[in-house]
PDB file of N, CA and C in Angstrom:
ATOM      1  N   MET A   1      49.299  82.637 211.935  1.00  0.00           N
ATOM      2  CA  MET A   1      49.919  82.836 212.973  1.00  0.00           C
ATOM      3  C   MET A   1      48.836  83.860 214.028  1.00  0.00           C
ATOM      4  N   SER A   2      49.113  83.263 215.476  1.00  0.00           N
ATOM      5  CA  SER A   2      48.302  84.215 216.360  1.00  0.00           C
ATOM      6  C   SER A   2      48.685  85.787 216.926  1.00  0.00           C
ATOM      7  N   GLY A   3      49.844  86.009 216.715  1.00  0.00           N
ATOM      8  CA  GLY A   3      49.882  87.388 217.019  1.00  0.00           C
ATOM      9  C   GLY A   3      50.753  87.477 218.374  1.00  0.00           C
ATOM     10  N   LYS A   4      50.334  86.546 219.429  1.00  0.00           N
ATOM     11  CA  LYS A   4      51.069  86.275 220.670  1.00  0.00           C
ATOM     12  C   LYS A   4      52.137  85.909 221.042  1.00  0.00           C
ATOM     13  N   LYS A   5      53.105  86.755 221.687  1.00  0.00           N
ATOM     14  CA  LYS A   5      54.521  86.655 221.934  1.00  0.00           C
ATOM     15  C   LYS A   5      54.658  85.084 222.790  1.00  0.00           C
ATOM     16  N   LYS A   6      55.756  84.581 222.575  1.00  0.00           N
ATOM     17  CA  LYS A   6      55.825  83.204 223.029  1.00  0.00           C
ATOM     18  C   LYS A   6      57.190  83.511 223.815  1.00  0.00           C
ATOM     19  N   TYR A   7      57.348  83.390 225.407  1.00  0.00           N
ATOM     20  CA  TYR A   7      58.005  83.394 226.161  1.00  0.00           C
ATOM     21  C   TYR A   7      58.756  82.379 226.399  1.00  0.00           C
ATOM     22  N   SER A   8      60.388  82.365 226.639  1.00  0.00           N
ATOM     23  CA  SER A   8      60.837  80.986 226.904  1.00  0.00           C
ATOM     24  C   SER A   8      61.361  81.135 228.590  1.00  0.00           C
ATOM     25  N   ASN A   9      61.139  82.345 228.990  1.00  0.00           N
ATOM     26  CA  ASN A   9      61.709  82.317 230.266  1.00  0.00           C
ATOM     27  C   ASN A   9      61.051  83.357 231.099  1.00  0.00           C
ATOM     28  N   PHE A  10      60.906  83.474 232.319  1.00  0.00           N
ATOM     29  CA  PHE A  10      60.582  84.762 232.822  1.00  0.00           C
ATOM     30  C   PHE A  10      61.364  85.780 232.899  1.00  0.00           C
ATOM     31  N   GLU A  11      62.435  86.445 232.606  1.00  0.00           N
ATOM     32  CA  GLU A  11      63.709  87.496 232.190  1.00  0.00           C
ATOM     33  C   GLU A  11      62.769  88.207 231.239  1.00  0.00           C
ATOM     34  N   GLU A  12      62.280  87.386 230.215  1.00  0.00           N
ATOM     35  CA  GLU A  12      61.690  87.989 228.890  1.00  0.00           C
ATOM     36  C   GLU A  12      60.615  88.811 229.119  1.00  0.00           C
ATOM     37  N   VAL A  13      59.449  87.782 230.107  1.00  0.00           N
ATOM     38  CA  VAL A  13      58.544  88.582 230.541  1.00  0.00           C
ATOM     39  C   VAL A  13      58.395  89.732 231.115  1.00  0.00           C
ATOM     40  N   ASP A  14      59.682  89.611 232.383  1.00  0.00           N
ATOM     41  CA  ASP A  14      59.798  91.078 233.460  1.00  0.00           C
ATOM     42  C   ASP A  14      60.609  92.094 232.154  1.00  0.00           C
ATOM     43  N   ARG A  15      61.455  91.816 231.431  1.00  0.00           N
ATOM     44  CA  ARG A  15      61.490  92.847 230.335  1.00  0.00           C
ATOM     45  C   ARG A  15      60.632  93.527 229.652  1.00  0.00           C
ATOM     46  N   ASP A  16      59.956  92.734 229.328  1.00  0.00           N
ATOM     47  CA  ASP A  16      58.755  93.271 228.363  1.00  0.00           C
ATOM     48  C   ASP A  16      57.857  94.275 229.640  1.00  0.00           C
ATOM     49  N   LEU A  17      57.526  93.731 230.468  1.00  0.00           N
ATOM     50  CA  LEU A  17      56.459  94.177 231.280  1.00  0.00           C
ATOM     51  C   LEU A  17      57.003  95.630 231.834  1.00  0.00           C
ATOM     52  N   LYS A  18      58.827  95.581 232.126  1.00  0.00           N
ATOM     53  CA  LYS A  18      59.251  97.138 232.741  1.00  0.00           C
ATOM     54  C   LYS A  18      59.347  98.026 231.082  1.00  0.00           C
ATOM     55  N   ARG A  19      59.695  97.392 230.321  1.00  0.00           N
ATOM     56  CA  ARG A  19      59.458  98.559 229.029  1.00  0.00           C
ATOM     57  C   ARG A  19      58.113  99.341 228.937  1.00  0.00           C
ATOM     58  N   LEU A  20      57.467  97.996 228.800  1.00  0.00           N
ATOM     59  CA  LEU A  20      55.526  98.840 228.789  1.00  0.00           C
ATOM     60  C   LEU A  20      55.428  99.469 230.100  1.00  0.00           C
ATOM     61  N   TYR A  21      55.562  99.469 231.451  1.00  0.00           N
ATOM     62  CA  TYR A  21      55.710 100.346 232.135  1.00  0.00           C
ATOM     63  C   TYR A  21      56.247 101.660 232.032  1.00  0.00           C
ATOM     64  N   LEU A  22      57.433 101.540 231.648  1.00  0.00           N
ATOM     65  CA  LEU A  22      58.139 102.906 231.191  1.00  0.00           C
ATOM     66  C   LEU A  22      57.476 103.660 229.858  1.00  0.00           C
ATOM     67  N   GLN A  23      57.194 102.998 228.849  1.00  0.00           N
ATOM     68  CA  GLN A  23      56.129 103.468 227.973  1.00  0.00           C
ATOM     69  C   GLN A  23      54.885 104.163 228.554  1.00  0.00           C
ATOM     70  N   SER A  24      54.552 103.810 229.372  1.00  0.00           N
ATOM     71  CA  SER A  24      53.618 104.085 230.070  1.00  0.00           C
ATOM     72  C   SER A  24      53.865 105.256 230.516  1.00  0.00           C
ATOM     73  N   GLU A  25      54.601 105.491 231.359  1.00  0.00           N
ATOM     74  CA  GLU A  25      54.703 106.668 231.952  1.00  0.00           C
ATOM     75  C   GLU A  25      55.671 107.882 231.570  1.00  0.00           C
ATOM     76  N   ILE A  26      56.013 107.332 230.218  1.00  0.00           N
ATOM     77  CA  ILE A  26      56.243 108.375 228.985  1.00  0.00           C
ATOM     78  C   ILE A  26      55.516 108.960 228.728  1.00  0.00           C
ATOM     79  N   SER A  27      54.032 108.357 228.696  1.00  0.00           N
ATOM     80  CA  SER A  27      53.037 108.757 227.710  1.00  0.00           C
ATOM     81  C   SER A  27      52.304 109.872 229.033  1.00  0.00           C
ATOM     82  N   LYS A  28      51.871 109.063 229.830  1.00  0.00           N
ATOM     83  CA  LYS A  28      51.648 110.002 230.872  1.00  0.00           C
ATOM     84  C   LYS A  28      52.159 111.245 230.979  1.00  0.00           C
ATOM     85  N   GLU A  29      53.471 111.728 231.258  1.00  0.00           N
ATOM     86  CA  GLU A  29      54.167 112.530 231.216  1.00  0.00           C
ATOM     87  C   GLU A  29      54.272 113.645 230.249  1.00  0.00           C
ATOM     88  N   GLU A  30      54.146 113.186 228.970  1.00  0.00           N
ATOM     89  CA  GLU A  30      53.531 113.878 227.711  1.00  0.00           C
ATOM     90  C   GLU A  30      52.522 114.719 227.862  1.00  0.00           C
ATOM     91  N   LEU A  31      51.248 113.416 228.637  1.00  0.00           N
ATOM     92  CA  LEU A  31      50.200 114.309 228.747  1.00  0.00           C
ATOM     93  C   LEU A  31      50.058 115.148 229.585  1.00  0.00           C
ATOM     94  N   LYS A  32      50.988 114.999 230.283  1.00  0.00           N
ATOM     95  CA  LYS A  32      50.997 116.170 231.679  1.00  0.00           C
ATOM     96  C   LYS A  32      51.103 117.631 230.982  1.00  0.00           C
ATOM     97  N   LEU A  33      52.733 117.340 230.462  1.00  0.00           N
ATOM     98  CA  LEU A  33      53.092 118.602 229.176  1.00  0.00           C
ATOM     99  C   LEU A  33      52.099 118.850 228.537  1.00  0.00           C
ATOM    100  N   SER A  34      51.690 118.144 227.938  1.00  0.00           N
ATOM    101  CA  SER A  34      50.529 118.700 226.720  1.00  0.00           C
ATOM    102  C   SER A  34      49.492 119.597 227.467  1.00  0.00           C
ATOM    103  N   PHE A  35      49.248 119.083 228.451  1.00  0.00           N
ATOM    104  CA  PHE A  35      47.932 119.649 229.384  1.00  0.00           C
ATOM    105  C   PHE A  35      48.650 121.100 229.793  1.00  0.00           C
ATOM    106  N   HIS A  36      49.724 121.003 230.469  1.00  0.00           N
ATOM    107  CA  HIS A  36      50.199 122.261 231.214  1.00  0.00           C
ATOM    108  C   HIS A  36      50.307 123.454 230.095  1.00  0.00           C
ATOM    109  N   LEU A  37      50.921 123.227 228.830  1.00  0.00           N
ATOM    110  CA  LEU A  37      51.005 123.729 227.891  1.00  0.00           C
ATOM    111  C   LEU A  37      49.973 124.375 227.469  1.00  0.00           C
ATOM    112  N   THR A  38      49.120 123.223 227.003  1.00  0.00           N
ATOM    113  CA  THR A  38      47.669 124.133 226.502  1.00  0.00           C
ATOM    114  C   THR A  38      46.797 125.209 227.700  1.00  0.00           C
ATOM    115  N   LYS A  39      47.239 124.612 228.807  1.00  0.00           N
ATOM    116  CA  LYS A  39      46.564 125.423 230.030  1.00  0.00           C
ATOM    117  C   LYS A  39      47.476 126.800 229.778  1.00  0.00           C
ATOM    118  N   GLU A  40      48.469 126.953 229.854  1.00  0.00           N
ATOM    119  CA  GLU A  40      49.205 128.076 229.967  1.00  0.00           C
ATOM    120  C   GLU A  40      48.997 129.161 228.475  1.00  0.00           C
ATOM    121  N   SER A  41      48.895 128.394 227.773  1.00  0.00           N
ATOM    122  CA  SER A  41      48.289 129.263 226.431  1.00  0.00           C
ATOM    123  C   SER A  41      47.148 129.555 226.359  1.00  0.00           C
ATOM    124  N   ALA A  42      46.199 129.009 227.008  1.00  0.00           N
ATOM    125  CA  ALA A  42      45.027 129.522 227.291  1.00  0.00           C
ATOM    126  C   ALA A  42      44.362 130.358 228.477  1.00  0.00           C
ATOM    127  N   LYS A  43      45.432 131.050 228.739  1.00  0.00           N
ATOM    128  CA  LYS A  43      45.154 131.730 230.020  1.00  0.00           C
ATOM    129  C   LYS A  43      44.638 133.386 229.004  1.00  0.00           C
ATOM    130  N   PRO A  44      44.028 134.236 229.641  1.00  0.00           N
ATOM    131  CA  PRO A  44      43.444 135.467 229.139  1.00  0.00           C
ATOM    132  C   PRO A  44      44.233 136.340 228.609  1.00  0.00           C
ATOM    133  N   SER A  45      45.714 136.296 229.343  1.00  0.00           N
ATOM    134  CA  SER A  45      46.719 137.368 229.327  1.00  0.00           C
ATOM    135  C   SER A  45      47.492 137.025 228.461  1.00  0.00           C
ATOM    136  N   LYS A  46      47.737 135.516 227.770  1.00  0.00           N
ATOM    137  CA  LYS A  46      48.460 135.104 226.552  1.00  0.00           C
ATOM    138  C   LYS A  46      47.587 135.056 225.393  1.00  0.00           C
ATOM    139  N   LEU A  47      46.051 134.783 225.729  1.00  0.00           N
ATOM    140  CA  LEU A  47      45.295 135.088 224.477  1.00  0.00           C
ATOM    141  C   LEU A  47      45.259 136.147 223.968  1.00  0.00           C
ATOM    142  N   ILE A  48      44.840 137.538 224.736  1.00  0.00           N
ATOM    143  CA  ILE A  48      44.853 138.719 224.548  1.00  0.00           C
ATOM    144  C   ILE A  48      46.581 139.178 223.846  1.00  0.00           C
ATOM    145  N   THR A  49      47.445 139.093 224.480  1.00  0.00           N
ATOM    146  CA  THR A  49      48.874 138.815 224.097  1.00  0.00           C
ATOM    147  C   THR A  49      48.810 138.910 222.807  1.00  0.00           C
ATOM    148  N   GLY A  50      48.383 137.121 222.253  1.00  0.00           N
ATOM    149  CA  GLY A  50      48.473 136.551 221.070  1.00  0.00           C
ATOM    150  C   GLY A  50      47.438 137.622 220.136  1.00  0.00           C
ATOM    151  N   LEU A  51      46.175 138.097 220.476  1.00  0.00           N
ATOM    152  CA  LEU A  51      45.304 138.608 219.800  1.00  0.00           C
ATOM    153  C   LEU A  51      46.074 140.246 219.235  1.00  0.00           C
ATOM    154  N   ILE A  52      46.781 140.772 220.260  1.00  0.00           N
ATOM    155  CA  ILE A  52      47.507 142.228 220.108  1.00  0.00           C
ATOM    156  C   ILE A  52      48.537 141.711 218.907  1.00  0.00           C
ATOM    157  N   GLY A  53      49.581 140.643 219.411  1.00  0.00           N
ATOM    158  CA  GLY A  53      50.658 140.126 218.806  1.00  0.00           C
ATOM    159  C   GLY A  53      50.217 139.890 216.945  1.00  0.00           C
ATOM    160  N   GLY A  54      49.417 138.995 217.336  1.00  0.00           N
ATOM    161  CA  GLY A  54      49.223 138.725 215.895  1.00  0.00           C
ATOM    162  C   GLY A  54      48.434 140.320 215.059  1.00  0.00           C
ATOM    163  N   ALA A  55      47.420 140.942 215.639  1.00  0.00           N
ATOM    164  CA  ALA A  55      46.835 142.207 215.016  1.00  0.00           C
ATOM    165  C   ALA A  55      48.445 143.286 214.355  1.00  0.00           C
ATOM    166  N   ALA A  56      48.800 143.009 215.386  1.00  0.00           N
ATOM    167  CA  ALA A  56      50.156 144.107 214.639  1.00  0.00           C
ATOM    168  C   ALA A  56      51.068 143.490 213.696  1.00  0.00           C
ATOM    169  N   THR A  57      51.098 141.888 213.869  1.00  0.00           N
ATOM    170  CA  THR A  57      52.009 141.548 212.817  1.00  0.00           C
ATOM    171  C   THR A  57      51.107 142.050 211.509  1.00  0.00           C
ATOM    172  N   SER A  58      49.983 141.460 211.548  1.00  0.00           N
ATOM    173  CA  SER A  58      48.954 141.742 210.551  1.00  0.00           C
ATOM    174  C   SER A  58      49.005 142.627 209.688  1.00  0.00           C
ATOM    175  N   ALA A  59      49.037 143.836 210.926  1.00  0.00           N
ATOM    176  CA  ALA A  59      49.198 145.387 210.839  1.00  0.00           C
ATOM    177  C   ALA A  59      50.310 145.475 209.733  1.00  0.00           C
ATOM    178  N   LEU A  60      51.558 145.227 210.440  1.00  0.00           N
ATOM    179  CA  LEU A  60      53.010 145.357 209.687  1.00  0.00           C
ATOM    180  C   LEU A  60      52.791 144.997 208.224  1.00  0.00           C
ATOM    181  N   LEU A  61      52.489 143.794 208.269  1.00  0.00           N
ATOM    182  CA  LEU A  61      52.254 142.674 206.704  1.00  0.00           C
ATOM    183  C   LEU A  61      51.683 143.850 205.991  1.00  0.00           C
ATOM    184  N   LEU A  62      50.561 144.025 206.309  1.00  0.00           N
ATOM    185  CA  LEU A  62      49.851 145.039 205.296  1.00  0.00           C
ATOM    186  C   LEU A  62      50.343 146.103 204.874  1.00  0.00           C
ATOM    187  N   LYS A  63      51.183 146.649 205.696  1.00  0.00           N
ATOM    188  CA  LYS A  63      52.056 148.381 205.487  1.00  0.00           C
ATOM    189  C   LYS A  63      52.894 147.698 204.621  1.00  0.00           C
ATOM    190  N   LEU A  64      53.756 146.357 204.900  1.00  0.00           N
ATOM    191  CA  LEU A  64      54.943 146.089 203.847  1.00  0.00           C
ATOM    192  C   LEU A  64      54.320 145.748 202.359  1.00  0.00           C
ATOM    193  N   LEU A  65      53.440 145.095 202.533  1.00  0.00           N
ATOM    194  CA  LEU A  65      52.573 144.390 201.337  1.00  0.00           C
ATOM    195  C   LEU A  65      51.973 145.344 200.190  1.00  0.00           C
ATOM    196  N   LEU A  66      51.418 146.186 200.693  1.00  0.00           N
ATOM    197  CA  LEU A  66      50.512 146.733 200.114  1.00  0.00           C
ATOM    198  C   LEU A  66      51.186 148.057 198.935  1.00  0.00           C
ATOM    199  N   PRO A  67      52.111 148.465 199.077  1.00  0.00           N
ATOM    200  CA  PRO A  67      53.153 148.970 198.345  1.00  0.00           C
ATOM    201  C   PRO A  67      53.369 147.751 197.206  1.00  0.00           C
ATOM    202  N   ILE A  68      53.786 146.778 197.449  1.00  0.00           N
ATOM    203  CA  ILE A  68      53.912 145.864 196.493  1.00  0.00           C
ATOM    204  C   ILE A  68      52.623 145.780 195.603  1.00  0.00           C
ATOM    205  N   PHE A  69      51.348 145.028 196.141  1.00  0.00           N
ATOM    206  CA  PHE A  69      50.651 144.769 195.876  1.00  0.00           C
ATOM    207  C   PHE A  69      49.678 146.337 194.523  1.00  0.00           C
ATOM    208  N   SER A  70      50.333 147.429 195.230  1.00  0.00           N
ATOM    209  CA  SER A  70      49.648 148.847 194.683  1.00  0.00           C
ATOM    210  C   SER A  70      50.727 148.627 192.799  1.00  0.00           C
ATOM    211  N   PHE A  71      51.612 148.525 193.099  1.00  0.00           N
ATOM    212  CA  PHE A  71      52.779 148.607 191.825  1.00  0.00           C
ATOM    213  C   PHE A  71      52.509 147.212 191.085  1.00  0.00           C
ATOM    214  N   GLY A  72      52.071 146.013 191.623  1.00  0.00           N
ATOM    215  CA  GLY A  72      51.636 144.757 190.523  1.00  0.00           C
ATOM    216  C   GLY A  72      50.464 145.103 190.069  1.00  0.00           C
ATOM    217  N   ILE A  73      49.550 145.637 190.743  1.00  0.00           N
ATOM    218  CA  ILE A  73      48.257 146.284 190.188  1.00  0.00           C
ATOM    219  C   ILE A  73      48.125 146.916 189.115  1.00  0.00           C
ATOM    220  N   GLY A  74      48.899 148.139 189.216  1.00  0.00           N
ATOM    221  CA  GLY A  74      49.341 149.192 188.237  1.00  0.00           C
ATOM    222  C   GLY A  74      49.837 148.605 187.331  1.00  0.00           C
ATOM    223  N   LYS A  75      51.472 147.848 187.504  1.00  0.00           N
ATOM    224  CA  LYS A  75      51.905 147.746 186.283  1.00  0.00           C
ATOM    225  C   LYS A  75      50.909 146.155 185.100  1.00  0.00           C
ATOM    226  N   PHE A  76      49.937 145.797 186.149  1.00  0.00           N
ATOM    227  CA  PHE A  76      48.596 144.720 185.225  1.00  0.00           C
ATOM    228  C   PHE A  76      47.981 146.138 184.680  1.00  0.00           C
ATOM    229  N   LEU A  77      47.451 146.515 185.204  1.00  0.00           N
ATOM    230  CA  LEU A  77      46.122 147.535 184.756  1.00  0.00           C
ATOM    231  C   LEU A  77      46.849 148.198 183.244  1.00  0.00           C
ATOM    232  N   LYS A  78      47.757 148.954 183.392  1.00  0.00           N
ATOM    233  CA  LYS A  78      48.824 149.414 182.416  1.00  0.00           C
ATOM    234  C   LYS A  78      48.627 148.453 180.671  1.00  0.00           C
ATOM    235  N   LYS A  79      48.962 147.579 181.468  1.00  0.00           N
ATOM    236  CA  LYS A  79      49.562 146.178 180.375  1.00  0.00           C
ATOM    237  C   LYS A  79      48.223 145.932 179.673  1.00  0.00           C
ATOM    238  N   TYR A  80      46.927 146.031 180.353  1.00  0.00           N
ATOM    239  CA  TYR A  80      45.591 145.638 179.785  1.00  0.00           C
ATOM    240  C   TYR A  80      44.951 147.287 179.466  1.00  0.00           C
ATOM    241  N   ARG A  81      45.629 147.979 179.220  1.00  0.00           N
ATOM    242  CA  ARG A  81      44.910 149.653 178.767  1.00  0.00           C
ATOM    243  C   ARG A  81      44.652 149.181 177.044  1.00  0.00           C
TER     244      ARG A  81
END
């Protein structure tokens, strides 16, 4: 099989060309959106906010998990003493 589509009339050709054109336009718009979102997320203010937010989240998470880890380590050490 050659893999080439056989058309029986020009309407089929036109329909496929329109479909391919629309798929191409959708891909272009998705690329534009992706570029815009990437550009927005790479702004210095967003990067700094993200770093501060990430650090704050990490600090809060550490504060919450530290007592749990301490308790677990204490239990573990008592078990093997």
